[in-house]
Structures are given as structure tokens and as C-alpha cells.
Amino acid sequence: MPNNSGSFHLTILGCSGGPITGTTCSFLLKPASQDYADLLLNYQNTKQGQNNATTNTTSTSTSTSTNPTTTSSSQAEKTRNTSKDCLVLIDAGCLLNSLVQMFTDNSSFVNSLLSMYPDSLKSWTQYTNETNMAVSSSPLVSTASPVMATVGFPTPLQLASQFANMINSFLITHSHLDHTASLVINSPVFQTVKTIFGLGSTLKALKAHSFNNSTWPELPTFFKYAQLNSGDVSRINPFFECQIYQVSHGELEKTGAGHCSLNEVNGRYESSGFLIKNLETEKYLLIFGDIESDSVSKLDYNLKIWRSVSDLIVQDQLNSIVIECSSVDQETTEHLFGHMTPSFLIYEFLTLRRCCCKKIQQEESELIAPEASLQRDINIPYPIAQQRQSQHP
């Protein structure tokens, strides 16, 4: 079994598409090497240092002729260097509400949600392999007490608001409300500029339909947009980079002449997935928003992704795949609305398996056919080519 190297720490803030609000799709990602409590304390110290710098600058400018700009800049640079920008939010269906629950004991909240769905998988732990993946149902409870005592936050909401301002990068898979709602409703607590990464169709829809001064204020000083094309690789922060892939999320119905969705590509709604690389460990995480099977869309979006990541799987560099499966198997695909079912998910993973097997067969064929391998070594220094030849029987 491939070994999960402990490169990623993924906290599920929400993973539903409704109808209950406050738990819709949102995943908080950090490097496994970073601790939540340390990040919070470090961020608070940075903020305190910046406030002290401002106070000192005001006092100095009043009593002496020292250049206040130099004093403030040097202090701000010092505190900025100690701050670790490593948190990423993948989709933003929820944020503050879930953080508040997680900074307290959220077991009662989770149980109350499960009680609304009698067929819920309450014994999900029996399906997790904890020898290869550490699982915690309360990842932030142990963080809250020491941090609140140290920095003096009296309520979990204030702590959650502080935490939200540590998140500077948002990877948005598509513009549906269950993946973007917290960008809107939680924006009053944002004090730092948020960069939103996404496909052009996603960002255009956000600006046209959410931040349009009608549904919600435009907030140009709150957000900046990093538009990506499918296949583009972009640096997110000092710890992560991502590659975005387009996927299909259902057929769009024609509602009248002249109607056009900003997310329409090939007659279907465009969503996306992100391949995220941990720059410390050079390991990868593949995570999707809403997605449907190629066998339904009759496109090859997913196949292109499986071919792309198969080499990472063979080389044991892909830690995990996070993918939705939010519909039950049905006789027709009419009411799937661009989502996966267990059968279609199995179909996709079998396709991925074939891509991996083909990759392995290609590598094995190179070992079996030395002439072909050495022909490709024509521009490689002779000792290396000779070493490869000696590996063949």
C-alpha cells in the first residue's frame, strides 16, 4: 500500500450541498508540518507587533524628528517575516459558523445534523484506514483553549474571525452558492485581502452575480482575482502550488432565446478540480468540486486528469483524492444534476486504474526492450546509457 507521508492536514468545514445551511462545501488545508495553535499565536504576535509599530511611530513623530516611515516599515517587515501564510480554503460554502463549532466541542452539533438524516453513515470510522491516515473529529478543540487564554479572546466567534483573517487564498471550483456563500456572508469580518483562484468562468460569474453591487457590494479592496486556464500551474503561497483542471457539472437547460450561462462550455456547466503540491515534501493532493462522470457528459475531462496524475500515483507522490459522490444510483441520469453516483465513481476509478497500469506497463517495456531505451539515450552521456544497458538481462 502506498504510504501517506503526512504532507497535508485537511479539515472538512462542510461537505453538503444543502438543504441545511452552514455546512456546505468548504475544506481548510494547511501543511502537516504547521500547527494550528502556533499559527494563531504567531499571527496574533504579528498583529500586535504591527500595532506597536504604529504606536511607536506616532510617539516618535511627536517627540523627535526621526523618519516615521523608516521606523514603521522596518518593524512591519520584521513582523511580516515571522508570519506564515500557509492556509488555503478550497471552496467557501461555509467558514465562520463551522470554525466556531470546531473551536468548541462540535460533537453535539454533528450528532444533531446526523439525526436529521436517518440513513446517515454514523459508523464512518470503520471505513477509515488510520494506519495510513490520521483522523480527528475535533481538530480545533485543543487549539482554542491555550490560544484564547494567551491572546485574550473571550468568545469562540472572535477567535474564528481572527482565524478567518489568516486565510489569504481561496480555491473556488465553481460559483454555485453552496461553494461560495461564505465569501459573501462572512466578508464583514475580513480584514486582509483574499486572493480567489479559479477558472475564468467561475470568477466572471462571481463578479457578475454575487459581487455586483446588487446582490452584494463589489468589495474591490477585499478580493483580488487570479484567473486560471485549465492546466495552468500557480503558486498559492510559500507552501503550496496548484494546477487547475476543468470538469463537467451537468447539462445546462436552455431557458429561452438569448439566455447564456457564464459557466457554459460544450453545453454543460464548467466546474473544476485542483491538484495541490506541497512544496516542502513534493507530495500532491487532488481535490474536486462538483463533478460528473465522463460516461455521462460524453467528454474526456476526467480522463485527461487521470492520465495526468497516473504518473504521480505510480511514483507514490499523490497522497489523496477528495471527490464527491452525492447521489444514489438511479435508473437514468436525468436527475443527477452533474453529480457522481457510486457506480459512476467506480467507473472513474477503474479508468484511473487502467491509466496507472498502462503507465507501469510502459515503464516495464522500457526495461524489457533495451534497444528502444538506448535509442532514446543517444543524447545522454555514455556512462549513464551503459548503466541502463547493464540493468537488462
Foldseek 3Di string as FASTA:
>chain_A
DFAQPQQKDKDQLADDPDDDAQRFGKIKIFTSVDDPLVLLVLLLVLVVQLVVLVVVLVVCVVPHVPDSVVSNVVSNVVSVVSHALTMEMEFPLHALSSQQCLLAPVPVVVVVVVVVPVPDDPVCVVVDDCVRPPDDPRRNNVSNVVNCVVSVDPGSSVVSLSVVQSHAEYEAFAADNSRHVCVAPVQVSHPDAHEYEYAPLRVVCCQVPCCPCPNGPVPPVRYDYDHDDQQDWAAGGPFKIKGKFKAFQAADDDDDPPDDRSQDDPRTGITMWIWMAGPVVRATEIEGDFHEACVVVVDCRLLVVLLVCLVCVLVSRYNYYHFDAPDADDPDCPPVRRHHYVVRVVVSVVSSVVSNVVVVVVVVVCLADLVVVLVVCPVPPPVVNVVSVVSHD
